[in-house]
C-alpha atoms as a PDB file:
ATOM      1  CA  MET A   1      -4.394   1.632   7.234  1.00  0.00           C
ATOM      2  CA  ARG A   2      -4.780   3.401   3.945  1.00  0.00           C
ATOM      3  CA  CYS A   3      -3.455   1.688   1.027  1.00  0.00           C
ATOM      4  CA  LEU A   4      -3.762   2.722  -2.960  1.00  0.00           C
ATOM      5  CA  ILE A   5      -2.809  -0.252  -4.799  1.00  0.00           C
ATOM      6  CA  GLN A   6      -1.793  -0.180  -8.754  1.00  0.00           C
ATOM      7  CA  ARG A   7      -1.253  -2.764 -10.857  1.00  0.00           C
ATOM      8  CA  VAL A   8       1.822  -2.214 -13.034  1.00  0.00           C
ATOM      9  CA  SER A   9       4.158  -3.337 -15.529  1.00  0.00           C
ATOM     10  CA  GLU A  10       7.561  -2.061 -14.362  1.00  0.00           C
ATOM     11  CA  ALA A  11       7.912   0.439 -11.047  1.00  0.00           C
ATOM     12  CA  ARG A  12      11.034   1.833  -9.564  1.00  0.00           C
ATOM     13  CA  VAL A  13      11.528   3.931  -6.597  1.00  0.00           C
ATOM     14  CA  THR A  14      14.618   6.322  -5.898  1.00  0.00           C
ATOM     15  CA  VAL A  15      16.009   8.523  -3.547  1.00  0.00           C
ATOM     16  CA  HIS A  16      18.902  11.022  -3.850  1.00  0.00           C
ATOM     17  CA  GLY A  17      19.158   9.296  -7.238  1.00  0.00           C
ATOM     18  CA  ARG A  18      19.727   5.806  -5.616  1.00  0.00           C
ATOM     19  CA  SER A  19      17.273   3.005  -6.654  1.00  0.00           C
ATOM     20  CA  THR A  20      15.892   1.197  -3.316  1.00  0.00           C
ATOM     21  CA  GLY A  21      13.398  -0.697  -5.196  1.00  0.00           C
ATOM     22  CA  GLN A  22      12.337  -1.455  -8.679  1.00  0.00           C
ATOM     23  CA  ILE A  23       9.831  -4.225  -9.880  1.00  0.00           C
ATOM     24  CA  GLY A  24       8.599  -5.307 -13.116  1.00  0.00           C
ATOM     25  CA  THR A  25       5.081  -6.624 -13.390  1.00  0.00           C
ATOM     26  CA  GLY A  26       3.565  -6.838 -10.009  1.00  0.00           C
ATOM     27  CA  LEU A  27       2.038  -3.868  -7.673  1.00  0.00           C
ATOM     28  CA  VAL A  28       2.883  -0.604  -6.454  1.00  0.00           C
ATOM     29  CA  VAL A  29       1.141  -0.293  -2.861  1.00  0.00           C
ATOM     30  CA  LEU A  30       1.723   2.915  -1.343  1.00  0.00           C
ATOM     31  CA  VAL A  31       0.998   2.675   2.179  1.00  0.00           C
ATOM     32  CA  CYS A  32      -0.315   4.898   4.687  1.00  0.00           C
ATOM     33  CA  ALA A  33      -0.808   3.918   8.674  1.00  0.00           C
ATOM     34  CA  MET A  34      -3.675   5.848  10.074  1.00  0.00           C
ATOM     35  CA  LYS A  35      -4.117   7.000  14.141  1.00  0.00           C
ATOM     36  CA  GLY A  36      -5.325   3.863  15.864  1.00  0.00           C
ATOM     37  CA  ASP A  37      -4.050   1.090  13.613  1.00  0.00           C
ATOM     38  CA  ARG A  38      -2.738  -2.032  15.067  1.00  0.00           C
ATOM     39  CA  LYS A  39      -1.025  -5.281  14.220  1.00  0.00           C
ATOM     40  CA  PRO A  40      -4.560  -6.858  13.373  1.00  0.00           C
ATOM     41  CA  THR A  41      -5.170  -4.062  10.924  1.00  0.00           C
ATOM     42  CA  VAL A  42      -1.910  -4.517   9.181  1.00  0.00           C
ATOM     43  CA  GLN A  43      -2.624  -8.422   8.990  1.00  0.00           C
ATOM     44  CA  ARG A  44      -5.500  -7.774   7.436  1.00  0.00           C
ATOM     45  CA  MET A  45      -4.329  -5.357   5.093  1.00  0.00           C
ATOM     46  CA  ALA A  46      -1.340  -7.811   3.866  1.00  0.00           C
ATOM     47  CA  GLY A  47      -3.940 -10.778   3.500  1.00  0.00           C
ATOM     48  CA  LYS A  48      -6.218  -8.251   1.315  1.00  0.00           C
ATOM     49  CA  ILE A  49      -3.264  -7.199  -0.645  1.00  0.00           C
ATOM     50  CA  ALA A  50      -2.102 -10.648  -1.177  1.00  0.00           C
ATOM     51  CA  LYS A  51      -5.273 -11.705  -2.283  1.00  0.00           C
ATOM     52  CA  LEU A  52      -6.624  -9.171  -4.132  1.00  0.00           C
ATOM     53  CA  ARG A  53      -7.550 -10.885  -7.670  1.00  0.00           C
ATOM     54  CA  ILE A  54      -6.978  -7.779  -9.959  1.00  0.00           C
ATOM     55  CA  PHE A  55      -4.649 -10.111 -12.420  1.00  0.00           C
ATOM     56  CA  ALA A  56      -5.954 -11.696 -15.798  1.00  0.00           C
ATOM     57  CA  ASP A  57      -6.467 -15.122 -16.242  1.00  0.00           C
ATOM     58  CA  GLN A  58      -6.823 -17.283 -19.305  1.00  0.00           C
ATOM     59  CA  ARG A  59      -9.556 -15.746 -20.024  1.00  0.00           C
ATOM     60  CA  GLY A  60      -8.681 -12.281 -19.439  1.00  0.00           C
ATOM     61  CA  ARG A  61     -10.802 -11.603 -16.275  1.00  0.00           C
ATOM     62  CA  MET A  62      -9.483 -10.063 -13.283  1.00  0.00           C
ATOM     63  CA  ASN A  63      -9.256 -13.510 -11.302  1.00  0.00           C
ATOM     64  CA  ARG A  64      -5.947 -13.640 -10.177  1.00  0.00           C
ATOM     65  CA  SER A  65      -3.900 -12.553  -7.010  1.00  0.00           C
ATOM     66  CA  VAL A  66      -0.236 -11.155  -7.199  1.00  0.00           C
ATOM     67  CA  MET A  67       0.762 -14.575  -5.385  1.00  0.00           C
ATOM     68  CA  ASP A  68      -1.464 -16.575  -8.134  1.00  0.00           C
ATOM     69  CA  VAL A  69       0.759 -14.865 -10.931  1.00  0.00           C
ATOM     70  CA  GLY A  70       4.403 -14.865  -9.096  1.00  0.00           C
ATOM     71  CA  ALA A  71       4.199 -10.904  -9.295  1.00  0.00           C
ATOM     72  CA  SER A  72       6.380  -8.637  -6.944  1.00  0.00           C
ATOM     73  CA  ILE A  73       5.334  -5.805  -4.858  1.00  0.00           C
ATOM     74  CA  LEU A  74       6.764  -2.248  -4.860  1.00  0.00           C
ATOM     75  CA  ALA A  75       5.808  -1.142  -1.031  1.00  0.00           C
ATOM     76  CA  VAL A  76       6.028   2.710  -0.371  1.00  0.00           C
ATOM     77  CA  SER A  77       4.890   4.766   2.784  1.00  0.00           C
ATOM     78  CA  GLN A  78       3.255   7.735   2.054  1.00  0.00           C
ATOM     79  CA  PHE A  79       1.247   9.705   4.649  1.00  0.00           C
ATOM     80  CA  THR A  80      -0.351  11.996   2.550  1.00  0.00           C
ATOM     81  CA  LEU A  81      -3.148   9.298   1.613  1.00  0.00           C
ATOM     82  CA  ALA A  82      -4.342  10.783   4.724  1.00  0.00           C
ATOM     83  CA  ALA A  83      -5.290  13.996   3.721  1.00  0.00           C
ATOM     84  CA  ASN A  84      -8.371  15.681   4.963  1.00  0.00           C
ATOM     85  CA  THR A  85      -9.221  18.707   2.546  1.00  0.00           C
ATOM     86  CA  ALA A  86     -12.890  18.978   3.645  1.00  0.00           C
ATOM     87  CA  ARG A  87     -11.674  22.768   4.939  1.00  0.00           C
ATOM     88  CA  GLY A  88     -10.031  24.680   2.778  1.00  0.00           C
ATOM     89  CA  ASN A  89      -7.545  24.090   0.126  1.00  0.00           C
ATOM     90  CA  ARG A  90      -4.657  23.139   2.297  1.00  0.00           C
ATOM     91  CA  PRO A  91      -4.746  19.163   3.045  1.00  0.00           C
ATOM     92  CA  GLY A  92      -4.576  18.532   6.631  1.00  0.00           C
ATOM     93  CA  PHE A  93      -2.378  14.907   7.707  1.00  0.00           C
ATOM     94  CA  SER A  94      -3.638  14.777  11.810  1.00  0.00           C
ATOM     95  CA  ASP A  95      -5.421  11.294  10.859  1.00  0.00           C
ATOM     96  CA  ALA A  96      -2.177  10.226  10.023  1.00  0.00           C
ATOM     97  CA  ALA A  97      -0.316   7.910  12.605  1.00  0.00           C
ATOM     98  CA  GLN A  98       2.582   9.432  14.264  1.00  0.00           C
ATOM     99  CA  PRO A  99       5.826   8.586  12.480  1.00  0.00           C
ATOM    100  CA  ASP A 100       7.688   6.222  14.632  1.00  0.00           C
ATOM    101  CA  THR A 101       4.236   3.924  15.038  1.00  0.00           C
ATOM    102  CA  ALA A 102       3.802   4.714  11.198  1.00  0.00           C
ATOM    103  CA  ARG A 103       7.296   3.113  10.412  1.00  0.00           C
ATOM    104  CA  ILE A 104       6.641  -0.104  12.955  1.00  0.00           C
ATOM    105  CA  LEU A 105       3.462  -0.694  11.053  1.00  0.00           C
ATOM    106  CA  PHE A 106       4.781   0.089   7.838  1.00  0.00           C
ATOM    107  CA  ASP A 107       7.828  -2.699   8.363  1.00  0.00           C
ATOM    108  CA  HIS A 108       4.975  -4.959   9.844  1.00  0.00           C
ATOM    109  CA  LEU A 109       3.275  -4.750   6.571  1.00  0.00           C
ATOM    110  CA  VAL A 110       6.478  -5.482   4.770  1.00  0.00           C
ATOM    111  CA  ARG A 111       7.019  -8.411   7.036  1.00  0.00           C
ATOM    112  CA  GLU A 112       3.372 -10.097   6.646  1.00  0.00           C
ATOM    113  CA  LEU A 113       3.595  -9.702   3.068  1.00  0.00           C
ATOM    114  CA  ARG A 114       7.202 -11.163   2.699  1.00  0.00           C
ATOM    115  CA  ALA A 115       5.766 -14.044   4.655  1.00  0.00           C
ATOM    116  CA  THR A 116       3.369 -14.881   2.011  1.00  0.00           C
ATOM    117  CA  GLY A 117       6.209 -15.687   0.212  1.00  0.00           C
ATOM    118  CA  LEU A 118       6.013 -12.356  -2.019  1.00  0.00           C
ATOM    119  CA  ASN A 119       8.750 -10.589  -3.296  1.00  0.00           C
ATOM    120  CA  VAL A 120       8.699  -7.227  -1.540  1.00  0.00           C
ATOM    121  CA  HIS A 121      10.789  -4.297  -2.355  1.00  0.00           C
ATOM    122  CA  THR A 122      10.504  -0.914  -0.536  1.00  0.00           C
ATOM    123  CA  GLY A 123      11.162   2.492  -0.511  1.00  0.00           C
ATOM    124  CA  GLU A 124      13.025   4.423   2.064  1.00  0.00           C
ATOM    125  CA  PHE A 125      10.275   5.560   5.030  1.00  0.00           C
ATOM    126  CA  GLY A 126      10.225   9.484   5.799  1.00  0.00           C
ATOM    127  CA  ALA A 127      12.884  10.175   2.798  1.00  0.00           C
ATOM    128  CA  HIS A 128      11.641  12.651  -0.109  1.00  0.00           C
ATOM    129  CA  MET A 129      11.385   9.555  -3.154  1.00  0.00           C
ATOM    130  CA  MET A 130      11.104   9.705  -6.980  1.00  0.00           C
ATOM    131  CA  LEU A 131       8.576   7.162  -7.650  1.00  0.00           C
ATOM    132  CA  SER A 132       8.036   6.038 -11.619  1.00  0.00           C
ATOM    133  CA  LEU A 133       5.378   3.679 -12.752  1.00  0.00           C
ATOM    134  CA  THR A 134       3.758   1.861 -15.726  1.00  0.00           C
ATOM    135  CA  ASN A 135       0.283   1.599 -14.431  1.00  0.00           C
ATOM    136  CA  ASP A 136      -1.165  -1.339 -16.494  1.00  0.00           C
ATOM    137  CA  GLY A 137      -4.674  -1.305 -17.456  1.00  0.00           C
ATOM    138  CA  PRO A 138      -4.816   0.905 -15.547  1.00  0.00           C
ATOM    139  CA  VAL A 139      -5.635  -0.440 -12.644  1.00  0.00           C
ATOM    140  CA  THR A 140      -6.334   1.498  -9.441  1.00  0.00           C
ATOM    141  CA  ILE A 141      -7.436   0.032  -6.027  1.00  0.00           C
ATOM    142  CA  TRP A 142      -8.338   2.041  -3.064  1.00  0.00           C
ATOM    143  CA  LEU A 143      -8.270  -0.264   0.051  1.00  0.00           C
ATOM    144  CA  ASP A 144      -9.010   1.319   3.578  1.00  0.00           C
ATOM    145  CA  LEU A 145      -9.419  -0.317   6.802  1.00  0.00           C
ATOM    146  CA  SER A 146      -9.596   2.520   8.905  1.00  0.00           C
ATOM    147  CA  ASN A 147     -12.600   3.182   8.816  1.00  0.00           C
ATOM    148  CA  GLY A 148     -14.278   0.020  11.027  1.00  0.00           C
ATOM    149  CA  ASP A 149     -13.725  -2.316   8.509  1.00  0.00           C
ATOM    150  CA  CYS A 150     -11.248  -4.180  11.037  1.00  0.00           C
ATOM    151  CA  PRO A 151     -11.498  -5.701  14.309  1.00  0.00           C
ATOM    152  CA  GLY A 152     -10.207  -2.897  16.820  1.00  0.00           C
ATOM    153  CA  HIS A 153     -11.687  -0.099  14.990  1.00  0.00           C
ATOM    154  CA  ALA A 154     -14.900   1.622  15.840  1.00  0.00           C
ATOM    155  CA  PRO A 155     -16.727   2.754  13.033  1.00  0.00           C
ATOM    156  CA  GLN A 156     -16.657   6.436  12.105  1.00  0.00           C
ATOM    157  CA  GLN A 157     -19.525   8.621  13.033  1.00  0.00           C
ATOM    158  CA  LEU A 158     -21.490  10.263  10.057  1.00  0.00           C
END
């Protein structure tokens, strides 16, 4: 599973002009389920997201998590995080999980995050979405648990 996390002061996702999710201070989490991802991968990713210390403490150091500051999460499915651009100029997405599997894993991630007590909003899986956000910092973090960094995954060969 790959996630691109952005610390935001505000964010909103719309589908055909209809808002499906909106937050103030918090995290936008763009989520891509990869081939071979399983529920243990999702559970580990949810824990990493919930505990990632990227909010400022009283001394201005990034030392507090989204849970610590009582912020929200806007989770948006985005298969394009699986883009492989090693050959040519057109990205390939064959490493992304199939849509039915990806939906199950995305929904599981959202449930896991909500189970921690976090306020989680979402986009609409598989829809063409418009995402607007104000990146705070800017702070952007790449998390990739699809490369052997999680039980159930074999390390990739170099």
